[in-house]
């Protein structure tokens, strides 16, 4: 017996699946925002720390665009 293989598409998507996807995306956005805010707080705290190694770590992290705030990224250079 030979089975056919292919992509199965549903004509009517399950509304519960769509709700779950939307809820998951909202949660990811919330977690992403919270992570960015906490990381920025950590970087700023490291930059003013009394330990030179901590300050150096804060300086190195501040060079990464990933840890910069969105307003810092939109400033013209």
N, C-alpha and C. Protein backbone atom coordinates (compact mmCIF):
# COMPACT_ATOMS: atom_id res chain seq x y z
N UNK A 1 0.84 -1.19 0.00
CA UNK A 1 0.00 0.00 0.00
C UNK A 1 0.88 1.24 0.00
N UNK A 2 0.48 2.18 -0.78
CA UNK A 2 1.21 3.42 -0.86
C UNK A 2 0.36 4.54 -0.29
N UNK A 3 0.95 5.31 0.61
CA UNK A 3 0.24 6.45 1.21
C UNK A 3 0.67 7.72 0.48
N UNK A 4 -0.28 8.57 0.22
CA UNK A 4 0.09 9.86 -0.38
C UNK A 4 0.47 10.82 0.73
N UNK A 5 1.47 11.62 0.45
CA UNK A 5 1.92 12.60 1.43
C UNK A 5 1.80 13.98 0.84
N UNK A 6 1.52 14.94 1.68
CA UNK A 6 1.40 16.30 1.19
C UNK A 6 1.04 17.23 2.33
N UNK A 7 0.73 18.43 1.94
CA UNK A 7 0.36 19.44 2.91
C UNK A 7 -1.14 19.43 3.08
N UNK A 8 -1.58 19.37 4.30
CA UNK A 8 -3.00 19.38 4.60
C UNK A 8 -3.36 20.78 5.05
N UNK A 9 -4.35 21.35 4.39
CA UNK A 9 -4.82 22.67 4.78
C UNK A 9 -6.28 22.56 5.18
N UNK A 10 -6.65 23.32 6.17
CA UNK A 10 -8.03 23.31 6.63
C UNK A 10 -8.77 24.47 5.98
N UNK A 11 -9.97 24.21 5.53
CA UNK A 11 -10.74 25.27 4.90
C UNK A 11 -11.28 26.23 5.95
N UNK A 12 -11.67 25.72 7.10
CA UNK A 12 -12.16 26.56 8.20
C UNK A 12 -11.21 26.42 9.38
N UNK A 13 -10.35 27.44 9.60
CA UNK A 13 -9.43 27.33 10.74
C UNK A 13 -10.20 27.33 12.06
N UNK A 14 -9.70 26.56 12.98
CA UNK A 14 -10.32 26.45 14.30
C UNK A 14 -10.17 27.79 15.02
N UNK A 15 -11.26 28.40 15.47
CA UNK A 15 -11.16 29.70 16.15
C UNK A 15 -10.36 29.63 17.45
N UNK A 16 -10.36 28.48 18.09
CA UNK A 16 -9.58 28.34 19.33
C UNK A 16 -8.09 28.40 19.05
N UNK A 17 -7.69 27.85 17.91
CA UNK A 17 -6.28 27.90 17.53
C UNK A 17 -5.86 29.35 17.29
N UNK A 18 -6.69 30.10 16.58
CA UNK A 18 -6.39 31.50 16.30
C UNK A 18 -6.31 32.30 17.59
N UNK A 19 -7.21 32.05 18.52
CA UNK A 19 -7.18 32.74 19.81
C UNK A 19 -5.90 32.41 20.57
N UNK A 20 -5.50 31.14 20.54
CA UNK A 20 -4.28 30.73 21.23
C UNK A 20 -3.05 31.37 20.61
N UNK A 21 -3.03 31.47 19.29
CA UNK A 21 -1.90 32.10 18.61
C UNK A 21 -1.82 33.58 18.99
N UNK A 22 -2.96 34.26 18.96
CA UNK A 22 -2.98 35.68 19.32
C UNK A 22 -2.57 35.89 20.78
N UNK A 23 -3.05 35.04 21.67
CA UNK A 23 -2.68 35.15 23.08
C UNK A 23 -1.19 34.89 23.26
N UNK A 24 -0.66 33.91 22.57
CA UNK A 24 0.77 33.60 22.67
C UNK A 24 1.61 34.77 22.15
N UNK A 25 1.20 35.36 21.04
CA UNK A 25 1.94 36.50 20.50
C UNK A 25 1.90 37.70 21.45
N UNK A 26 0.76 37.93 22.08
CA UNK A 26 0.67 39.02 23.09
C UNK A 26 1.61 38.76 24.25
N UNK A 27 1.65 37.51 24.71
CA UNK A 27 2.52 37.16 25.83
C UNK A 27 3.99 37.33 25.44
N UNK A 28 4.34 36.94 24.23
CA UNK A 28 5.73 37.10 23.76
C UNK A 28 6.09 38.57 23.73
N UNK A 29 5.19 39.41 23.24
CA UNK A 29 5.45 40.85 23.20
C UNK A 29 5.63 41.42 24.60
N UNK A 30 4.77 40.99 25.53
CA UNK A 30 4.89 41.45 26.92
C UNK A 30 6.22 41.01 27.54
N UNK A 31 6.58 39.75 27.34
CA UNK A 31 7.84 39.25 27.89
C UNK A 31 9.04 39.95 27.25
N UNK A 32 8.94 40.20 25.97
CA UNK A 32 10.02 40.88 25.25
C UNK A 32 10.22 42.29 25.79
N UNK A 33 9.12 42.99 26.00
CA UNK A 33 9.20 44.36 26.53
C UNK A 33 9.77 44.35 27.95
N UNK A 34 9.29 43.44 28.78
CA UNK A 34 9.78 43.35 30.16
C UNK A 34 11.27 43.01 30.17
N UNK A 35 11.69 42.07 29.32
CA UNK A 35 13.09 41.69 29.25
C UNK A 35 13.96 42.88 28.84
N UNK A 36 13.52 43.61 27.82
CA UNK A 36 14.28 44.78 27.35
C UNK A 36 14.41 45.83 28.44
N UNK A 37 13.32 46.11 29.14
CA UNK A 37 13.36 47.11 30.21
C UNK A 37 14.29 46.68 31.34
N UNK A 38 14.20 45.42 31.74
CA UNK A 38 15.05 44.93 32.83
C UNK A 38 16.52 44.90 32.41
N UNK A 39 16.77 44.55 31.16
CA UNK A 39 18.14 44.51 30.67
C UNK A 39 18.73 45.92 30.62
N UNK A 40 17.94 46.90 30.18
CA UNK A 40 18.42 48.28 30.16
C UNK A 40 18.72 48.77 31.58
N UNK A 41 17.87 48.41 32.53
CA UNK A 41 18.12 48.78 33.92
C UNK A 41 19.41 48.15 34.42
N UNK A 42 19.63 46.89 34.08
CA UNK A 42 20.85 46.20 34.47
C UNK A 42 22.08 46.86 33.86
N UNK A 43 22.03 47.19 32.57
CA UNK A 43 23.16 47.82 31.90
C UNK A 43 23.47 49.17 32.53
N UNK A 44 22.44 49.97 32.80
CA UNK A 44 22.67 51.27 33.43
C UNK A 44 23.25 51.12 34.83
N UNK A 45 22.76 50.11 35.56
CA UNK A 45 23.30 49.86 36.90
C UNK A 45 24.75 49.41 36.85
N UNK A 46 25.08 48.58 35.88
CA UNK A 46 26.46 48.12 35.74
C UNK A 46 27.40 49.27 35.40
N UNK A 47 26.94 50.19 34.59
CA UNK A 47 27.79 51.30 34.16
C UNK A 47 28.15 52.24 35.32
N UNK A 48 27.34 52.23 36.37
CA UNK A 48 27.65 53.10 37.50
C UNK A 48 28.10 52.31 38.74
N UNK A 49 28.41 51.05 38.57
CA UNK A 49 28.83 50.19 39.68
C UNK A 49 30.24 50.55 40.14
N UNK A 50 30.55 50.32 41.42
CA UNK A 50 31.88 50.66 41.95
C UNK A 50 32.97 49.70 41.48
N UNK A 51 32.58 48.47 41.13
CA UNK A 51 33.54 47.47 40.65
C UNK A 51 33.87 47.74 39.18
N UNK A 52 35.15 47.84 38.86
CA UNK A 52 35.56 48.15 37.49
C UNK A 52 35.17 47.07 36.50
N UNK A 53 35.20 45.81 36.93
CA UNK A 53 34.78 44.72 36.03
C UNK A 53 33.30 44.84 35.67
N UNK A 54 32.49 45.21 36.64
CA UNK A 54 31.06 45.40 36.38
C UNK A 54 30.85 46.57 35.43
N UNK A 55 31.57 47.66 35.66
CA UNK A 55 31.46 48.82 34.75
C UNK A 55 31.88 48.44 33.33
N UNK A 56 32.94 47.65 33.22
CA UNK A 56 33.39 47.22 31.90
C UNK A 56 32.32 46.37 31.22
N UNK A 57 31.70 45.47 31.96
CA UNK A 57 30.62 44.66 31.41
C UNK A 57 29.47 45.54 30.94
N UNK A 58 29.11 46.54 31.73
CA UNK A 58 28.06 47.48 31.33
C UNK A 58 28.42 48.24 30.08
N UNK A 59 29.69 48.63 29.97
CA UNK A 59 30.15 49.33 28.77
C UNK A 59 30.07 48.42 27.56
N UNK A 60 30.50 47.18 27.71
CA UNK A 60 30.46 46.25 26.58
C UNK A 60 29.02 45.95 26.15
N UNK A 61 28.13 45.79 27.11
CA UNK A 61 26.74 45.53 26.77
C UNK A 61 26.08 46.74 26.12
N UNK A 62 26.50 47.93 26.50
CA UNK A 62 25.88 49.13 25.94
C UNK A 62 26.28 49.34 24.48
N UNK A 63 27.32 48.67 24.00
CA UNK A 63 27.70 48.77 22.59
C UNK A 63 26.81 47.93 21.70
N UNK A 64 26.07 47.02 22.27
CA UNK A 64 25.21 46.14 21.48
C UNK A 64 23.87 46.83 21.23
N UNK A 65 23.44 46.87 19.98
CA UNK A 65 22.14 47.47 19.64
C UNK A 65 20.99 46.72 20.29
N UNK A 66 21.20 45.46 20.62
CA UNK A 66 20.14 44.66 21.23
C UNK A 66 19.71 45.24 22.57
N UNK A 67 20.65 45.81 23.31
CA UNK A 67 20.36 46.29 24.65
C UNK A 67 20.04 47.78 24.69
N UNK A 68 20.02 48.44 23.55
CA UNK A 68 19.70 49.87 23.53
C UNK A 68 18.19 50.05 23.50
N UNK A 69 17.74 51.16 24.07
CA UNK A 69 16.31 51.43 24.05
C UNK A 69 15.89 51.84 22.64
N UNK A 70 14.61 51.73 22.37
CA UNK A 70 14.12 52.06 21.04
C UNK A 70 14.32 53.53 20.73
N UNK A 71 14.22 54.41 21.74
CA UNK A 71 14.43 55.84 21.48
C UNK A 71 15.88 56.13 21.14
N UNK A 72 16.83 55.36 21.71
CA UNK A 72 18.23 55.53 21.36
C UNK A 72 18.49 55.11 19.92
N UNK A 73 17.75 54.11 19.46
CA UNK A 73 17.95 53.59 18.11
C UNK A 73 17.36 54.52 17.05
N UNK A 74 16.38 55.35 17.42
CA UNK A 74 15.73 56.22 16.44
C UNK A 74 16.42 57.58 16.33
N UNK A 75 17.39 57.85 17.18
CA UNK A 75 18.12 59.12 17.11
C UNK A 75 18.96 59.17 15.83
N UNK A 76 18.93 60.31 15.11
CA UNK A 76 19.80 60.42 13.94
C UNK A 76 21.26 60.50 14.34
N UNK A 77 22.10 59.91 13.50
CA UNK A 77 23.52 59.88 13.86
C UNK A 77 24.32 60.84 13.03
